[in-house]
Amino acid sequence: MATITKRELAEAISQKLKSPQIVTKQTIQLFLELCTEELVKGNRLEFRDFGILTTVERGAKIGRNPKTGATVEVPPKRVVRFKSGRLLKEKIQNMSS
């Protein structure tokens, strides 16, 4: 399993589109910034057949410090949740190992 960076993704997209890599990289960066802005506003992002990004509130809880075993209060926080879409699920399920 490999990790793909934003730069590598921009290279691949620019090759397929035969467009300048700098324009592709700027487009990806703008897309990510706009997605972040919408999530901060509390909006849901839906990409058909790929997935849905939403923010959810996690309640406060009592946790444990793994080193000392002492209990600690973990405050509530907002996190991003991703739910994969139908087509993505199917493609992942049908991957050849």
N, C-alpha and C. Protein backbone atom coordinates (compact mmCIF):
# COMPACT_ATOMS: atom_id res chain seq x y z
N MET A 1 0.85 -1.17 0.00
CA MET A 1 0.00 0.00 0.00
C MET A 1 0.90 1.24 0.00
N ALA A 2 0.62 2.17 -0.87
CA ALA A 2 1.42 3.38 -0.99
C ALA A 2 0.63 4.60 -0.52
N THR A 3 1.34 5.63 -0.18
CA THR A 3 0.73 6.92 0.16
C THR A 3 0.89 7.83 -1.04
N ILE A 4 -0.20 8.45 -1.46
CA ILE A 4 -0.17 9.37 -2.59
C ILE A 4 -0.26 10.79 -2.04
N THR A 5 0.69 11.64 -2.42
CA THR A 5 0.69 13.03 -1.96
C THR A 5 -0.13 13.90 -2.91
N LYS A 6 -0.42 15.11 -2.44
CA LYS A 6 -1.15 16.06 -3.26
C LYS A 6 -0.36 16.35 -4.55
N ARG A 7 0.95 16.44 -4.43
CA ARG A 7 1.79 16.70 -5.61
C ARG A 7 1.69 15.55 -6.62
N GLU A 8 1.75 14.32 -6.15
CA GLU A 8 1.65 13.17 -7.05
C GLU A 8 0.27 13.10 -7.70
N LEU A 9 -0.75 13.44 -6.95
CA LEU A 9 -2.11 13.47 -7.49
C LEU A 9 -2.22 14.55 -8.58
N ALA A 10 -1.63 15.71 -8.31
CA ALA A 10 -1.65 16.80 -9.29
C ALA A 10 -0.91 16.40 -10.57
N GLU A 11 0.21 15.70 -10.42
CA GLU A 11 0.96 15.23 -11.59
C GLU A 11 0.11 14.29 -12.43
N ALA A 12 -0.55 13.34 -11.77
CA ALA A 12 -1.36 12.36 -12.50
C ALA A 12 -2.54 13.03 -13.21
N ILE A 13 -3.20 13.95 -12.52
CA ILE A 13 -4.35 14.64 -13.13
C ILE A 13 -3.88 15.50 -14.30
N SER A 14 -2.79 16.24 -14.12
CA SER A 14 -2.32 17.11 -15.20
C SER A 14 -1.89 16.31 -16.42
N GLN A 15 -1.33 15.12 -16.22
CA GLN A 15 -0.98 14.27 -17.36
C GLN A 15 -2.23 13.80 -18.10
N LYS A 16 -3.24 13.37 -17.34
CA LYS A 16 -4.46 12.89 -17.99
C LYS A 16 -5.19 14.01 -18.73
N LEU A 17 -5.19 15.22 -18.14
CA LEU A 17 -5.89 16.35 -18.76
C LEU A 17 -5.01 17.12 -19.74
N LYS A 18 -3.71 16.77 -19.76
CA LYS A 18 -2.75 17.50 -20.59
C LYS A 18 -2.82 19.00 -20.27
N SER A 19 -2.81 19.31 -18.97
CA SER A 19 -2.84 20.70 -18.51
C SER A 19 -1.61 20.96 -17.66
N PRO A 20 -1.26 22.24 -17.49
CA PRO A 20 -0.08 22.55 -16.67
C PRO A 20 -0.25 22.06 -15.23
N GLN A 21 0.81 21.50 -14.70
CA GLN A 21 0.75 20.93 -13.35
C GLN A 21 0.46 22.01 -12.30
N ILE A 22 0.98 23.21 -12.48
CA ILE A 22 0.76 24.28 -11.49
C ILE A 22 -0.72 24.64 -11.40
N VAL A 23 -1.41 24.65 -12.55
CA VAL A 23 -2.84 24.97 -12.56
C VAL A 23 -3.61 23.85 -11.85
N THR A 24 -3.23 22.62 -12.11
CA THR A 24 -3.89 21.48 -11.47
C THR A 24 -3.68 21.52 -9.96
N LYS A 25 -2.46 21.82 -9.55
CA LYS A 25 -2.16 21.88 -8.11
C LYS A 25 -2.96 23.00 -7.43
N GLN A 26 -3.06 24.15 -8.10
CA GLN A 26 -3.85 25.27 -7.55
C GLN A 26 -5.32 24.90 -7.46
N THR A 27 -5.82 24.18 -8.46
CA THR A 27 -7.22 23.76 -8.46
C THR A 27 -7.49 22.80 -7.31
N ILE A 28 -6.60 21.85 -7.09
CA ILE A 28 -6.76 20.91 -5.98
C ILE A 28 -6.74 21.65 -4.66
N GLN A 29 -5.80 22.60 -4.51
CA GLN A 29 -5.70 23.36 -3.27
C GLN A 29 -6.96 24.17 -3.02
N LEU A 30 -7.49 24.81 -4.05
CA LEU A 30 -8.72 25.58 -3.92
C LEU A 30 -9.89 24.68 -3.55
N PHE A 31 -9.97 23.51 -4.17
CA PHE A 31 -11.02 22.54 -3.85
C PHE A 31 -10.96 22.16 -2.36
N LEU A 32 -9.76 21.87 -1.87
CA LEU A 32 -9.61 21.48 -0.47
C LEU A 32 -9.97 22.63 0.47
N GLU A 33 -9.58 23.86 0.12
CA GLU A 33 -9.91 25.02 0.94
C GLU A 33 -11.42 25.24 1.00
N LEU A 34 -12.08 25.12 -0.15
CA LEU A 34 -13.54 25.31 -0.18
C LEU A 34 -14.25 24.21 0.60
N CYS A 35 -13.77 22.98 0.50
CA CYS A 35 -14.36 21.89 1.28
C CYS A 35 -14.21 22.17 2.77
N THR A 36 -13.03 22.62 3.16
CA THR A 36 -12.78 22.94 4.57
C THR A 36 -13.71 24.04 5.05
N GLU A 37 -13.86 25.10 4.25
CA GLU A 37 -14.75 26.21 4.61
C GLU A 37 -16.18 25.72 4.83
N GLU A 38 -16.66 24.88 3.93
CA GLU A 38 -18.03 24.38 4.05
C GLU A 38 -18.21 23.50 5.29
N LEU A 39 -17.23 22.68 5.59
CA LEU A 39 -17.30 21.83 6.79
C LEU A 39 -17.27 22.68 8.05
N VAL A 40 -16.45 23.73 8.06
CA VAL A 40 -16.39 24.63 9.22
C VAL A 40 -17.74 25.30 9.43
N LYS A 41 -18.45 25.61 8.35
CA LYS A 41 -19.79 26.21 8.45
C LYS A 41 -20.84 25.21 8.94
N GLY A 42 -20.46 23.93 8.97
CA GLY A 42 -21.41 22.90 9.39
C GLY A 42 -22.16 22.27 8.24
N ASN A 43 -21.77 22.60 7.02
CA ASN A 43 -22.44 22.03 5.85
C ASN A 43 -21.94 20.63 5.55
N ARG A 44 -22.75 19.90 4.84
CA ARG A 44 -22.44 18.53 4.44
C ARG A 44 -21.97 18.55 3.00
N LEU A 45 -20.93 17.78 2.69
CA LEU A 45 -20.43 17.68 1.32
C LEU A 45 -20.78 16.31 0.77
N GLU A 46 -21.48 16.30 -0.34
CA GLU A 46 -21.90 15.03 -0.94
C GLU A 46 -21.34 14.93 -2.35
N PHE A 47 -20.56 13.87 -2.57
CA PHE A 47 -20.01 13.58 -3.89
C PHE A 47 -20.61 12.25 -4.33
N ARG A 48 -21.57 12.32 -5.24
CA ARG A 48 -22.32 11.13 -5.67
C ARG A 48 -21.40 9.96 -5.98
N ASP A 49 -21.75 8.80 -5.48
CA ASP A 49 -21.05 7.53 -5.68
C ASP A 49 -19.66 7.49 -5.03
N PHE A 50 -19.16 8.62 -4.53
CA PHE A 50 -17.86 8.62 -3.85
C PHE A 50 -18.04 8.60 -2.33
N GLY A 51 -18.77 9.61 -1.82
CA GLY A 51 -18.98 9.62 -0.38
C GLY A 51 -19.52 10.94 0.12
N ILE A 52 -19.74 10.98 1.44
CA ILE A 52 -20.31 12.14 2.10
C ILE A 52 -19.40 12.52 3.26
N LEU A 53 -19.09 13.80 3.35
CA LEU A 53 -18.32 14.34 4.47
C LEU A 53 -19.25 15.19 5.32
N THR A 54 -19.28 14.93 6.61
CA THR A 54 -20.08 15.72 7.54
C THR A 54 -19.26 15.98 8.80
N THR A 55 -19.71 16.95 9.59
CA THR A 55 -19.10 17.15 10.89
C THR A 55 -20.08 16.66 11.94
N VAL A 56 -19.56 16.03 12.97
CA VAL A 56 -20.39 15.53 14.06
C VAL A 56 -19.75 15.94 15.39
N GLU A 57 -20.58 16.09 16.38
CA GLU A 57 -20.12 16.45 17.72
C GLU A 57 -19.93 15.18 18.52
N ARG A 58 -18.73 15.01 19.05
CA ARG A 58 -18.47 13.89 19.96
C ARG A 58 -18.62 14.42 21.37
N GLY A 59 -19.38 13.73 22.18
CA GLY A 59 -19.62 14.17 23.54
C GLY A 59 -18.39 14.00 24.43
N ALA A 60 -18.44 14.66 25.57
CA ALA A 60 -17.37 14.52 26.56
C ALA A 60 -17.38 13.08 27.07
N LYS A 61 -16.21 12.62 27.49
CA LYS A 61 -16.12 11.26 28.02
C LYS A 61 -14.97 11.18 29.01
N ILE A 62 -14.94 10.10 29.72
CA ILE A 62 -13.84 9.84 30.64
C ILE A 62 -12.90 8.86 29.96
N GLY A 63 -11.62 9.24 29.87
CA GLY A 63 -10.62 8.38 29.25
C GLY A 63 -9.56 8.01 30.26
N ARG A 64 -8.56 7.30 29.80
CA ARG A 64 -7.45 6.89 30.67
C ARG A 64 -6.13 7.31 30.05
N ASN A 65 -5.24 7.77 30.88
CA ASN A 65 -3.88 8.04 30.46
C ASN A 65 -3.19 6.68 30.34
N PRO A 66 -2.71 6.29 29.15
CA PRO A 66 -2.14 4.95 28.99
C PRO A 66 -0.86 4.73 29.81
N LYS A 67 -0.13 5.80 30.11
CA LYS A 67 1.12 5.65 30.87
C LYS A 67 0.85 5.45 32.36
N THR A 68 -0.05 6.28 32.90
CA THR A 68 -0.27 6.24 34.36
C THR A 68 -1.51 5.46 34.75
N GLY A 69 -2.44 5.30 33.82
CA GLY A 69 -3.69 4.63 34.14
C GLY A 69 -4.70 5.55 34.81
N ALA A 70 -4.31 6.82 35.02
CA ALA A 70 -5.21 7.78 35.67
C ALA A 70 -6.35 8.15 34.73
N THR A 71 -7.52 8.41 35.30
CA THR A 71 -8.66 8.83 34.48
C THR A 71 -8.52 10.32 34.17
N VAL A 72 -8.92 10.67 32.96
CA VAL A 72 -8.89 12.07 32.52
C VAL A 72 -10.20 12.38 31.81
N GLU A 73 -10.62 13.63 31.94
CA GLU A 73 -11.82 14.07 31.23
C GLU A 73 -11.43 14.46 29.82
N VAL A 74 -12.12 13.91 28.85
CA VAL A 74 -11.90 14.28 27.45
C VAL A 74 -13.06 15.19 27.06
N PRO A 75 -12.77 16.43 26.69
CA PRO A 75 -13.84 17.38 26.38
C PRO A 75 -14.56 17.03 25.07
N PRO A 76 -15.76 17.57 24.89
CA PRO A 76 -16.46 17.34 23.62
C PRO A 76 -15.69 18.00 22.48
N LYS A 77 -15.83 17.44 21.28
CA LYS A 77 -15.15 18.03 20.12
C LYS A 77 -15.91 17.70 18.85
N ARG A 78 -15.66 18.51 17.83
CA ARG A 78 -16.25 18.29 16.50
C ARG A 78 -15.22 17.55 15.66
N VAL A 79 -15.69 16.55 14.94
CA VAL A 79 -14.81 15.77 14.06
C VAL A 79 -15.48 15.61 12.70
N VAL A 80 -14.68 15.29 11.70
CA VAL A 80 -15.20 15.06 10.35
C VAL A 80 -15.45 13.57 10.19
N ARG A 81 -16.61 13.24 9.67
CA ARG A 81 -16.96 11.84 9.41
C ARG A 81 -17.12 11.66 7.91
N PHE A 82 -16.58 10.55 7.39
CA PHE A 82 -16.69 10.21 5.97
C PHE A 82 -17.49 8.93 5.86
N LYS A 83 -18.51 8.96 5.02
CA LYS A 83 -19.28 7.76 4.72
C LYS A 83 -19.12 7.49 3.23
N SER A 84 -18.57 6.33 2.90
CA SER A 84 -18.31 6.04 1.49
C SER A 84 -19.60 5.82 0.72
N GLY A 85 -19.55 6.18 -0.55
CA GLY A 85 -20.69 6.03 -1.44
C GLY A 85 -20.76 4.64 -2.04
N ARG A 86 -21.86 4.37 -2.70
CA ARG A 86 -22.13 3.04 -3.27
C ARG A 86 -21.05 2.58 -4.23
N LEU A 87 -20.70 3.41 -5.19
CA LEU A 87 -19.73 3.01 -6.21
C LEU A 87 -18.34 2.78 -5.59
N LEU A 88 -17.94 3.64 -4.68
CA LEU A 88 -16.65 3.48 -4.00
C LEU A 88 -16.63 2.18 -3.21
N LYS A 89 -17.70 1.91 -2.48
CA LYS A 89 -17.80 0.66 -1.72
C LYS A 89 -17.65 -0.56 -2.63
N GLU A 90 -18.36 -0.53 -3.75
CA GLU A 90 -18.31 -1.66 -4.68
C GLU A 90 -16.90 -1.84 -5.24
N LYS A 91 -16.24 -0.75 -5.62
CA LYS A 91 -14.89 -0.87 -6.18
C LYS A 91 -13.90 -1.38 -5.15
N ILE A 92 -14.03 -0.95 -3.91
CA ILE A 92 -13.15 -1.41 -2.84
C ILE A 92 -13.39 -2.89 -2.57
N GLN A 93 -14.65 -3.31 -2.57
CA GLN A 93 -14.98 -4.71 -2.33
C GLN A 93 -14.45 -5.61 -3.43
N ASN A 94 -14.39 -5.09 -4.65
CA ASN A 94 -13.97 -5.91 -5.79
C ASN A 94 -12.48 -5.78 -6.11
N MET A 95 -11.71 -5.15 -5.22
CA MET A 95 -10.27 -5.02 -5.44
C MET A 95 -9.63 -6.41 -5.44
N SER A 96 -8.68 -6.60 -6.33
CA SER A 96 -7.94 -7.86 -6.30
C SER A 96 -6.73 -7.68 -5.40
N SER A 97 -6.51 -8.60 -4.52
CA SER A 97 -5.42 -8.49 -3.55
C SER A 97 -4.09 -8.88 -4.13
